Amino acid sequence: MSMIVLPINKGSDGDGRRRPKTDGPIRNDEYWLQRMGEEWAKALGKPKGNYPLDTLPDGYGGWEKVRGNDSKHVDRYLFGHVKGPARSIPDIMPHFTYLMEHGSAFGCNCKLCVGGSRASGVGAAGEKSSSKGDRQSPHFAPSTATASRAQSYAPLPPPGPKLVGRPKKQPDVEMASPSRRKQVDEE
């Protein structure tokens, strides 16, 4: 089976400073390049094959660590997202797809950006949403639910007279200086 490397768009929200805090994990981008490439190729309707990504989005990096003494089980994380690491391919793919389609994370409503669980319909602020489209990351733009609530308020009153220019200088008012008491040294 031949390998076809998928180039990615350069849009990214990754922060290269977001890395594991301990020395235990080791860097391994290959797992994420391969698995994300396969998922993206599937989403693009490509035939089955070997489709690794050419690179991860700027600021993102794959890390892995053997769990405890069990050398067969490896925990893998993709660091770089502002809200924390992705723990699985299903966690990162909606965000990655949004980055590839829009060039930035502005408006992304994936699980990583919004927080909570997509299945439960609970957003980062703990608000219940009626549909997935109602939730949007609080870091990028106001949610549509918030915008619709704002429209239910009464309209603002018309503004008063428009003031133009600098305020007029007020006449000087003679003010008496405060009386000062003489300081007395006590012995």
N, C-alpha and C. Protein backbone atom coordinates (compact mmCIF):
# COMPACT_ATOMS: atom_id res chain seq x y z
N MET A 1 0.86 -1.17 0.00
CA MET A 1 0.00 0.00 0.00
C MET A 1 0.90 1.23 0.00
N SER A 2 0.65 2.14 -0.93
CA SER A 2 1.49 3.33 -1.01
C SER A 2 1.06 4.36 0.02
N MET A 3 2.00 5.22 0.36
CA MET A 3 1.74 6.25 1.35
C MET A 3 1.54 7.58 0.63
N ILE A 4 0.46 8.29 0.97
CA ILE A 4 0.19 9.62 0.43
C ILE A 4 0.15 10.59 1.60
N VAL A 5 1.13 11.48 1.65
CA VAL A 5 1.22 12.44 2.75
C VAL A 5 0.24 13.58 2.49
N LEU A 6 -0.61 13.86 3.49
CA LEU A 6 -1.60 14.94 3.36
C LEU A 6 -1.03 16.24 3.91
N PRO A 7 -0.91 17.26 3.06
CA PRO A 7 -0.46 18.56 3.58
C PRO A 7 -1.59 19.22 4.36
N ILE A 8 -1.23 19.99 5.38
CA ILE A 8 -2.26 20.68 6.16
C ILE A 8 -2.19 22.17 5.89
N ASN A 9 -3.29 22.85 6.19
CA ASN A 9 -3.29 24.32 6.12
C ASN A 9 -2.46 24.84 7.27
N LYS A 10 -1.97 26.04 7.14
CA LYS A 10 -1.09 26.59 8.17
C LYS A 10 -1.83 27.24 9.33
N GLY A 11 -3.15 27.30 9.28
CA GLY A 11 -3.91 27.89 10.39
C GLY A 11 -3.74 27.07 11.66
N SER A 12 -3.46 27.74 12.77
CA SER A 12 -3.28 27.04 14.03
C SER A 12 -3.57 27.96 15.19
N ASP A 13 -4.00 27.37 16.28
CA ASP A 13 -4.16 28.10 17.54
C ASP A 13 -3.23 27.50 18.58
N GLY A 14 -2.32 26.65 18.15
CA GLY A 14 -1.45 25.93 19.08
C GLY A 14 -0.48 26.84 19.81
N ASP A 15 -0.19 26.46 21.03
CA ASP A 15 0.76 27.17 21.87
C ASP A 15 1.89 26.20 22.19
N GLY A 16 3.03 26.41 21.55
CA GLY A 16 4.16 25.51 21.73
C GLY A 16 4.71 25.46 23.14
N ARG A 17 4.31 26.40 23.99
CA ARG A 17 4.77 26.39 25.38
C ARG A 17 3.98 25.41 26.23
N ARG A 18 2.88 24.90 25.71
CA ARG A 18 2.06 23.96 26.48
C ARG A 18 2.62 22.56 26.29
N ARG A 19 3.28 22.09 27.31
CA ARG A 19 3.94 20.79 27.29
C ARG A 19 3.70 20.08 28.61
N PRO A 20 3.97 18.78 28.67
CA PRO A 20 3.83 18.08 29.95
C PRO A 20 4.73 18.71 31.01
N LYS A 21 4.25 18.71 32.25
CA LYS A 21 4.99 19.35 33.33
C LYS A 21 6.02 18.43 33.96
N THR A 22 5.96 17.16 33.67
CA THR A 22 6.91 16.22 34.26
C THR A 22 7.88 15.73 33.20
N ASP A 23 8.92 15.07 33.64
CA ASP A 23 9.93 14.55 32.71
C ASP A 23 9.56 13.17 32.15
N GLY A 24 8.50 12.55 32.66
CA GLY A 24 8.14 11.19 32.25
C GLY A 24 7.77 11.02 30.79
N PRO A 25 6.87 11.85 30.25
CA PRO A 25 6.45 11.65 28.85
C PRO A 25 7.58 11.92 27.85
N ILE A 26 7.53 11.20 26.74
CA ILE A 26 8.50 11.45 25.67
C ILE A 26 7.76 11.93 24.43
N ARG A 27 8.43 12.71 23.61
CA ARG A 27 7.83 13.28 22.41
C ARG A 27 7.65 12.21 21.35
N ASN A 28 6.44 12.14 20.76
CA ASN A 28 6.18 11.22 19.67
C ASN A 28 5.04 11.78 18.83
N ASP A 29 5.38 12.47 17.75
CA ASP A 29 4.37 13.03 16.85
C ASP A 29 3.85 12.00 15.86
N GLU A 30 4.62 10.94 15.62
CA GLU A 30 4.28 9.98 14.56
C GLU A 30 2.89 9.36 14.74
N TYR A 31 2.55 8.98 15.96
CA TYR A 31 1.24 8.39 16.21
C TYR A 31 0.13 9.35 15.78
N TRP A 32 0.24 10.61 16.19
CA TRP A 32 -0.79 11.61 15.88
C TRP A 32 -0.81 11.95 14.40
N LEU A 33 0.35 12.03 13.76
CA LEU A 33 0.41 12.30 12.32
C LEU A 33 -0.32 11.21 11.55
N GLN A 34 -0.06 9.95 11.92
CA GLN A 34 -0.65 8.82 11.21
C GLN A 34 -2.16 8.73 11.46
N ARG A 35 -2.57 8.74 12.71
CA ARG A 35 -3.98 8.54 13.05
C ARG A 35 -4.85 9.72 12.61
N MET A 36 -4.37 10.95 12.81
CA MET A 36 -5.15 12.11 12.38
C MET A 36 -5.23 12.16 10.86
N GLY A 37 -4.16 11.77 10.18
CA GLY A 37 -4.18 11.71 8.73
C GLY A 37 -5.20 10.72 8.21
N GLU A 38 -5.27 9.55 8.84
CA GLU A 38 -6.25 8.54 8.44
C GLU A 38 -7.67 9.06 8.63
N GLU A 39 -7.93 9.68 9.77
CA GLU A 39 -9.28 10.20 10.04
C GLU A 39 -9.64 11.34 9.09
N TRP A 40 -8.68 12.21 8.82
CA TRP A 40 -8.96 13.34 7.92
C TRP A 40 -9.21 12.84 6.50
N ALA A 41 -8.41 11.85 6.05
CA ALA A 41 -8.61 11.27 4.72
C ALA A 41 -10.00 10.65 4.61
N LYS A 42 -10.43 9.97 5.68
CA LYS A 42 -11.76 9.37 5.70
C LYS A 42 -12.83 10.47 5.59
N ALA A 43 -12.64 11.57 6.32
CA ALA A 43 -13.61 12.68 6.28
C ALA A 43 -13.63 13.35 4.90
N LEU A 44 -12.49 13.34 4.21
CA LEU A 44 -12.41 13.93 2.87
C LEU A 44 -12.92 12.98 1.79
N GLY A 45 -13.28 11.75 2.17
CA GLY A 45 -13.81 10.79 1.21
C GLY A 45 -12.75 10.09 0.40
N LYS A 46 -11.53 10.04 0.88
CA LYS A 46 -10.45 9.36 0.17
C LYS A 46 -10.59 7.85 0.35
N PRO A 47 -10.12 7.06 -0.64
CA PRO A 47 -10.19 5.60 -0.50
C PRO A 47 -9.25 5.14 0.62
N LYS A 48 -9.50 3.92 1.12
CA LYS A 48 -8.64 3.40 2.19
C LYS A 48 -7.20 3.43 1.74
N GLY A 49 -6.34 3.79 2.67
CA GLY A 49 -4.92 3.86 2.34
C GLY A 49 -4.12 4.39 3.51
N ASN A 50 -2.88 4.68 3.24
CA ASN A 50 -1.96 5.19 4.25
C ASN A 50 -1.81 6.70 4.02
N TYR A 51 -2.41 7.52 4.89
CA TYR A 51 -2.45 8.97 4.71
C TYR A 51 -1.94 9.72 5.93
N PRO A 52 -0.66 9.72 6.21
CA PRO A 52 -0.19 10.52 7.34
C PRO A 52 -0.22 12.01 6.99
N LEU A 53 -0.32 12.85 8.02
CA LEU A 53 -0.22 14.30 7.81
C LEU A 53 1.24 14.65 7.60
N ASP A 54 1.49 15.74 6.88
CA ASP A 54 2.88 16.15 6.69
C ASP A 54 3.46 16.76 7.96
N THR A 55 2.63 17.39 8.76
CA THR A 55 3.07 17.99 10.02
C THR A 55 1.84 18.24 10.89
N LEU A 56 2.06 18.41 12.16
CA LEU A 56 0.98 18.82 13.05
C LEU A 56 0.83 20.33 12.95
N PRO A 57 -0.32 20.88 13.30
CA PRO A 57 -0.46 22.34 13.30
C PRO A 57 0.60 22.98 14.20
N ASP A 58 1.04 24.18 13.84
CA ASP A 58 2.06 24.88 14.62
C ASP A 58 1.67 24.93 16.09
N GLY A 59 2.63 24.65 16.95
CA GLY A 59 2.40 24.71 18.38
C GLY A 59 1.88 23.43 19.00
N TYR A 60 1.55 22.42 18.19
CA TYR A 60 1.04 21.16 18.71
C TYR A 60 2.15 20.11 18.74
N GLY A 61 2.09 19.21 19.70
CA GLY A 61 3.07 18.14 19.79
C GLY A 61 2.50 16.92 20.48
N GLY A 62 2.85 15.74 19.98
CA GLY A 62 2.39 14.50 20.57
C GLY A 62 3.35 14.01 21.64
N TRP A 63 2.80 13.51 22.72
CA TRP A 63 3.59 12.99 23.84
C TRP A 63 2.99 11.67 24.29
N GLU A 64 3.83 10.80 24.81
CA GLU A 64 3.33 9.52 25.31
C GLU A 64 4.11 9.11 26.55
N LYS A 65 3.43 8.29 27.35
CA LYS A 65 4.03 7.81 28.59
C LYS A 65 3.48 6.43 28.89
N VAL A 66 4.35 5.51 29.28
CA VAL A 66 3.93 4.17 29.66
C VAL A 66 3.20 4.29 30.99
N ARG A 67 2.05 3.63 31.07
CA ARG A 67 1.23 3.70 32.29
C ARG A 67 1.78 2.73 33.34
N GLY A 68 2.23 3.29 34.46
CA GLY A 68 2.73 2.48 35.57
C GLY A 68 3.81 1.51 35.15
N ASN A 69 3.71 0.27 35.60
CA ASN A 69 4.68 -0.77 35.25
C ASN A 69 4.23 -1.60 34.06
N ASP A 70 3.07 -1.27 33.48
CA ASP A 70 2.51 -2.03 32.37
C ASP A 70 3.08 -1.49 31.05
N SER A 71 4.10 -2.14 30.55
CA SER A 71 4.77 -1.65 29.34
C SER A 71 3.90 -1.80 28.09
N LYS A 72 2.77 -2.52 28.20
CA LYS A 72 1.90 -2.70 27.04
C LYS A 72 0.94 -1.54 26.85
N HIS A 73 0.66 -0.79 27.91
CA HIS A 73 -0.31 0.30 27.80
C HIS A 73 0.41 1.65 27.79
N VAL A 74 0.14 2.42 26.73
CA VAL A 74 0.77 3.73 26.58
C VAL A 74 -0.32 4.80 26.54
N ASP A 75 -0.19 5.81 27.39
CA ASP A 75 -1.10 6.95 27.35
C ASP A 75 -0.52 7.98 26.40
N ARG A 76 -1.35 8.44 25.45
CA ARG A 76 -0.90 9.42 24.46
C ARG A 76 -1.72 10.69 24.59
N TYR A 77 -1.03 11.82 24.44
CA TYR A 77 -1.68 13.13 24.54
C TYR A 77 -1.15 14.03 23.44
N LEU A 78 -2.02 14.89 22.94
CA LEU A 78 -1.60 15.90 21.97
C LEU A 78 -1.68 17.25 22.68
N PHE A 79 -0.52 17.84 22.96
CA PHE A 79 -0.46 19.12 23.66
C PHE A 79 -0.42 20.26 22.66
N GLY A 80 -0.87 21.43 23.10
CA GLY A 80 -0.82 22.62 22.28
C GLY A 80 -2.11 23.42 22.32
N HIS A 81 -3.24 22.75 22.60
CA HIS A 81 -4.52 23.47 22.67
C HIS A 81 -4.53 24.33 23.93
N VAL A 82 -5.13 25.52 23.84
CA VAL A 82 -5.11 26.46 24.96
C VAL A 82 -5.85 25.93 26.19
N LYS A 83 -6.79 25.02 26.02
CA LYS A 83 -7.56 24.51 27.15
C LYS A 83 -6.98 23.23 27.74
N GLY A 84 -5.93 22.70 27.14
CA GLY A 84 -5.32 21.48 27.67
C GLY A 84 -5.14 20.44 26.58
N PRO A 85 -4.52 19.32 26.94
CA PRO A 85 -4.21 18.32 25.93
C PRO A 85 -5.42 17.53 25.47
N ALA A 86 -5.35 17.06 24.22
CA ALA A 86 -6.34 16.13 23.70
C ALA A 86 -5.88 14.74 24.11
N ARG A 87 -6.82 13.92 24.55
CA ARG A 87 -6.47 12.59 25.04
C ARG A 87 -6.74 11.50 24.01
N SER A 88 -7.44 11.86 22.93
CA SER A 88 -7.77 10.83 21.94
C SER A 88 -8.00 11.47 20.58
N ILE A 89 -8.03 10.64 19.56
CA ILE A 89 -8.32 11.10 18.20
C ILE A 89 -9.73 11.70 18.13
N PRO A 90 -10.76 11.06 18.71
CA PRO A 90 -12.10 11.68 18.67
C PRO A 90 -12.15 13.05 19.37
N ASP A 91 -11.29 13.28 20.36
CA ASP A 91 -11.26 14.59 21.02
C ASP A 91 -10.70 15.67 20.11
N ILE A 92 -9.64 15.36 19.36
CA ILE A 92 -8.94 16.39 18.60
C ILE A 92 -9.48 16.57 17.18
N MET A 93 -10.09 15.56 16.59
CA MET A 93 -10.48 15.66 15.18
C MET A 93 -11.49 16.76 14.87
N PRO A 94 -12.52 16.99 15.68
CA PRO A 94 -13.41 18.11 15.36
C PRO A 94 -12.67 19.46 15.36
N HIS A 95 -11.74 19.62 16.29
CA HIS A 95 -10.97 20.87 16.35
C HIS A 95 -10.02 20.97 15.16
N PHE A 96 -9.33 19.88 14.86
CA PHE A 96 -8.40 19.87 13.73
C PHE A 96 -9.14 20.15 12.42
N THR A 97 -10.28 19.51 12.24
CA THR A 97 -11.07 19.73 11.02
C THR A 97 -11.50 21.19 10.92
N TYR A 98 -11.91 21.78 12.04
CA TYR A 98 -12.32 23.19 12.04
C TYR A 98 -11.13 24.08 11.66
N LEU A 99 -9.96 23.79 12.21
CA LEU A 99 -8.76 24.57 11.85
C LEU A 99 -8.46 24.46 10.36
N MET A 100 -8.59 23.26 9.80
CA MET A 100 -8.28 23.06 8.39
C MET A 100 -9.30 23.75 7.49
N GLU A 101 -10.56 23.79 7.91
CA GLU A 101 -11.61 24.41 7.09
C GLU A 101 -11.66 25.92 7.23
N HIS A 102 -11.32 26.45 8.41
CA HIS A 102 -11.49 27.89 8.65
C HIS A 102 -10.18 28.65 8.83
N GLY A 103 -9.07 27.96 9.04
CA GLY A 103 -7.79 28.63 9.19
C GLY A 103 -7.51 29.17 10.57
N SER A 104 -8.50 29.17 11.45
CA SER A 104 -8.31 29.59 12.84
C SER A 104 -9.37 28.91 13.69
N ALA A 105 -9.25 29.04 15.00
CA ALA A 105 -10.21 28.42 15.91
C ALA A 105 -11.34 29.36 16.26
N PHE A 106 -11.39 30.54 15.65
CA PHE A 106 -12.45 31.51 15.93
C PHE A 106 -13.80 30.88 15.60
N GLY A 107 -14.64 30.69 16.61
CA GLY A 107 -15.96 30.11 16.42
C GLY A 107 -16.03 28.61 16.56
N CYS A 108 -14.92 27.95 16.86
CA CYS A 108 -14.93 26.49 16.99
C CYS A 108 -15.76 26.09 18.21
N ASN A 109 -16.64 25.11 18.02
CA ASN A 109 -17.47 24.66 19.14
C ASN A 109 -17.19 23.20 19.49
N CYS A 110 -15.94 22.78 19.31
CA CYS A 110 -15.57 21.41 19.64
C CYS A 110 -15.51 21.23 21.16
N LYS A 111 -15.40 19.99 21.58
CA LYS A 111 -15.34 19.66 23.00
C LYS A 111 -14.16 20.35 23.69
N LEU A 112 -13.03 20.45 23.02
CA LEU A 112 -11.86 21.08 23.63
C LEU A 112 -12.07 22.58 23.84
N CYS A 113 -12.64 23.26 22.85
CA CYS A 113 -12.84 24.71 22.95
C CYS A 113 -13.96 25.07 23.92
N VAL A 114 -15.06 24.34 23.84
CA VAL A 114 -16.24 24.67 24.63
C VAL A 114 -16.15 24.09 26.03
N GLY A 115 -15.53 22.95 26.17
CA GLY A 115 -15.49 22.27 27.46
C GLY A 115 -16.72 21.41 27.61
N GLY A 116 -16.74 20.60 28.63
CA GLY A 116 -17.89 19.73 28.83
C GLY A 116 -17.92 18.62 27.81
N SER A 117 -19.06 17.98 27.71
CA SER A 117 -19.23 16.85 26.81
C SER A 117 -20.24 17.20 25.73
N ARG A 118 -19.93 16.87 24.49
CA ARG A 118 -20.86 17.13 23.39
C ARG A 118 -22.15 16.35 23.61
N ALA A 119 -22.03 15.15 24.13
CA ALA A 119 -23.22 14.32 24.30
C ALA A 119 -24.17 14.90 25.33
N SER A 120 -23.65 15.47 26.39
CA SER A 120 -24.52 15.98 27.44
C SER A 120 -25.09 17.35 27.10
N GLY A 121 -24.47 18.06 26.17
CA GLY A 121 -24.96 19.38 25.80
C GLY A 121 -24.67 20.42 26.87
N VAL A 122 -23.61 20.23 27.63
CA VAL A 122 -23.25 21.19 28.67
C VAL A 122 -22.01 21.93 28.23
N GLY A 123 -22.07 23.25 28.23
CA GLY A 123 -20.94 24.06 27.81
C GLY A 123 -20.01 24.37 28.96
N ALA A 124 -19.00 25.20 28.68
CA ALA A 124 -17.99 25.54 29.67
C ALA A 124 -18.59 26.28 30.85
N ALA A 125 -19.63 27.06 30.63
CA ALA A 125 -20.25 27.82 31.71
C ALA A 125 -21.30 27.00 32.44
N GLY A 126 -21.47 25.74 32.06
CA GLY A 126 -22.45 24.89 32.71
C GLY A 126 -23.85 25.09 32.19
N GLU A 127 -24.02 25.88 31.12
CA GLU A 127 -25.34 26.13 30.57
C GLU A 127 -25.76 24.97 29.68
N LYS A 128 -27.00 24.57 29.79
CA LYS A 128 -27.55 23.55 28.91
C LYS A 128 -27.81 24.18 27.55
N SER A 129 -27.49 23.50 26.50
CA SER A 129 -27.78 24.03 25.17
C SER A 129 -28.77 23.10 24.48
N SER A 130 -29.61 23.69 23.64
CA SER A 130 -30.63 22.89 22.98
C SER A 130 -30.07 22.15 21.78
N SER A 131 -29.02 22.68 21.19
CA SER A 131 -28.40 22.00 20.06
C SER A 131 -26.92 22.31 20.05
N LYS A 132 -26.16 21.53 19.29
CA LYS A 132 -24.72 21.74 19.24
C LYS A 132 -24.37 23.10 18.67
N GLY A 133 -25.22 23.65 17.83
CA GLY A 133 -24.95 24.95 17.23
C GLY A 133 -25.05 26.10 18.22
N ASP A 134 -25.71 25.88 19.37
CA ASP A 134 -25.85 26.94 20.36
C ASP A 134 -24.57 27.17 21.13
N ARG A 135 -23.68 26.19 21.14
CA ARG A 135 -22.48 26.32 21.96
C ARG A 135 -21.33 26.84 21.14
N GLN A 136 -20.60 27.74 21.72
CA GLN A 136 -19.44 28.29 21.06
C GLN A 136 -18.42 28.61 22.12
N SER A 137 -17.17 28.53 21.77
CA SER A 137 -16.14 28.77 22.75
C SER A 137 -16.24 30.16 23.34
N PRO A 138 -16.18 30.28 24.68
CA PRO A 138 -16.24 31.60 25.29
C PRO A 138 -14.97 32.39 25.02
N HIS A 139 -13.93 31.74 24.48
CA HIS A 139 -12.68 32.44 24.22
C HIS A 139 -12.67 33.16 22.89
N PHE A 140 -13.64 32.90 22.03
CA PHE A 140 -13.59 33.47 20.70
C PHE A 140 -14.73 34.41 20.37
N ALA A 141 -15.93 34.10 20.74
CA ALA A 141 -17.07 34.94 20.38
C ALA A 141 -18.23 34.62 21.31
N PRO A 142 -19.18 35.54 21.47
CA PRO A 142 -20.32 35.24 22.32
C PRO A 142 -21.16 34.13 21.69
N SER A 143 -21.77 33.32 22.53
CA SER A 143 -22.58 32.24 22.00
C SER A 143 -23.86 32.79 21.39
N THR A 144 -24.46 32.02 20.50
CA THR A 144 -25.71 32.47 19.88
C THR A 144 -26.81 32.52 20.92
N ALA A 145 -26.74 31.66 21.95
CA ALA A 145 -27.74 31.69 23.01
C ALA A 145 -27.67 33.02 23.76
N THR A 146 -26.46 33.51 24.03
CA THR A 146 -26.29 34.79 24.71
C THR A 146 -26.81 35.91 23.84
N ALA A 147 -26.52 35.86 22.54
CA ALA A 147 -26.98 36.91 21.63
C ALA A 147 -28.50 36.94 21.56
N SER A 148 -29.15 35.77 21.57
CA SER A 148 -30.61 35.76 21.48
C SER A 148 -31.24 36.28 22.77
N ARG A 149 -30.60 36.05 23.93
CA ARG A 149 -31.12 36.59 25.19
C ARG A 149 -31.01 38.10 25.20
N ALA A 150 -29.94 38.65 24.62
CA ALA A 150 -29.75 40.10 24.62
C ALA A 150 -30.83 40.79 23.81
N GLN A 151 -31.39 40.13 22.80
CA GLN A 151 -32.41 40.75 21.97
C GLN A 151 -33.76 40.83 22.68
N SER A 152 -33.94 40.09 23.77
CA SER A 152 -35.23 40.10 24.45
C SER A 152 -35.39 41.29 25.40
N TYR A 153 -34.35 42.06 25.65
CA TYR A 153 -34.44 43.21 26.53
C TYR A 153 -35.08 44.39 25.80
N ALA A 154 -35.62 45.34 26.58
CA ALA A 154 -36.23 46.54 26.00
C ALA A 154 -35.15 47.36 25.30
N PRO A 155 -35.53 48.10 24.25
CA PRO A 155 -34.53 48.90 23.54
C PRO A 155 -33.99 50.01 24.44
N LEU A 156 -32.79 50.45 24.15
CA LEU A 156 -32.17 51.52 24.92
C LEU A 156 -32.88 52.84 24.64
N PRO A 157 -32.94 53.73 25.63
CA PRO A 157 -33.56 55.04 25.39
C PRO A 157 -32.69 55.84 24.41
N PRO A 158 -33.29 56.80 23.69
CA PRO A 158 -32.50 57.59 22.76
C PRO A 158 -31.45 58.40 23.52
N PRO A 159 -30.31 58.65 22.89
CA PRO A 159 -29.26 59.39 23.57
C PRO A 159 -29.66 60.85 23.78
N GLY A 160 -29.06 61.46 24.80
CA GLY A 160 -29.33 62.87 25.10
C GLY A 160 -28.65 63.76 24.07
N PRO A 161 -28.58 65.07 24.36
CA PRO A 161 -27.96 65.98 23.41
C PRO A 161 -26.50 65.61 23.19
N LYS A 162 -26.06 65.72 21.96
CA LYS A 162 -24.71 65.35 21.61
C LYS A 162 -23.77 66.48 22.01
N LEU A 163 -22.79 66.15 22.82
CA LEU A 163 -21.81 67.13 23.26
C LEU A 163 -20.62 67.06 22.32
N VAL A 164 -20.20 68.23 21.85
CA VAL A 164 -19.10 68.28 20.90
C VAL A 164 -18.01 69.19 21.46
N GLY A 165 -16.77 68.79 21.26
CA GLY A 165 -15.65 69.64 21.66
C GLY A 165 -15.26 69.46 23.11
N ARG A 166 -14.38 70.37 23.55
CA ARG A 166 -13.89 70.32 24.92
C ARG A 166 -14.90 70.94 25.87
N PRO A 167 -14.93 70.50 27.10
CA PRO A 167 -15.83 71.13 28.06
C PRO A 167 -15.37 72.56 28.34
N LYS A 168 -16.34 73.42 28.60
CA LYS A 168 -16.02 74.81 28.88
C LYS A 168 -15.32 74.91 30.22
N LYS A 169 -14.40 75.87 30.28
CA LYS A 169 -13.65 76.07 31.51
C LYS A 169 -14.57 76.71 32.53
N GLN A 170 -14.57 76.16 33.71
CA GLN A 170 -15.38 76.70 34.80
C GLN A 170 -14.64 77.90 35.40
N PRO A 171 -15.39 78.91 35.82
CA PRO A 171 -14.73 80.07 36.42
C PRO A 171 -14.01 79.64 37.70
N ASP A 172 -12.86 80.30 37.92
CA ASP A 172 -12.08 79.99 39.12
C ASP A 172 -12.87 80.41 40.35
N VAL A 173 -12.88 79.57 41.29
CA VAL A 173 -13.58 79.84 42.54
C VAL A 173 -12.52 80.05 43.60
N GLU A 174 -12.63 81.18 44.31
CA GLU A 174 -11.68 81.49 45.37
C GLU A 174 -11.96 80.57 46.54
N MET A 175 -10.98 79.81 46.87
CA MET A 175 -11.15 78.91 48.00
C MET A 175 -10.15 79.29 49.07
N ALA A 176 -10.61 79.31 50.28
CA ALA A 176 -9.71 79.62 51.39
C ALA A 176 -8.83 78.42 51.64
N SER A 177 -7.57 78.69 51.86
CA SER A 177 -6.67 77.59 52.14
C SER A 177 -6.95 77.08 53.54
N PRO A 178 -6.78 75.82 53.75
CA PRO A 178 -7.06 75.28 55.08
C PRO A 178 -6.10 75.87 56.11
N SER A 179 -6.64 76.12 57.27
CA SER A 179 -5.79 76.71 58.30
C SER A 179 -4.81 75.65 58.78
N ARG A 180 -3.60 76.11 59.00
CA ARG A 180 -2.55 75.19 59.42
C ARG A 180 -2.27 75.42 60.90
N ARG A 181 -2.10 74.35 61.57
CA ARG A 181 -1.78 74.48 62.98
C ARG A 181 -0.28 74.45 63.14
N LYS A 182 0.17 75.16 64.13
CA LYS A 182 1.59 75.21 64.41
C LYS A 182 2.00 73.93 65.11
N GLN A 183 3.09 73.37 64.63
CA GLN A 183 3.57 72.13 65.23
C GLN A 183 4.30 72.46 66.52
N VAL A 184 3.98 71.73 67.54
CA VAL A 184 4.61 71.95 68.84
C VAL A 184 5.32 70.67 69.24
N ASP A 185 6.56 70.84 69.57
CA ASP A 185 7.32 69.69 70.04
C ASP A 185 7.11 69.54 71.53
N GLU A 186 6.76 68.38 71.94
CA GLU A 186 6.56 68.15 73.36
C GLU A 186 7.79 67.47 73.93
N GLU A 187 8.13 67.90 75.14
CA GLU A 187 9.29 67.29 75.78
C GLU A 187 8.93 66.61 77.04
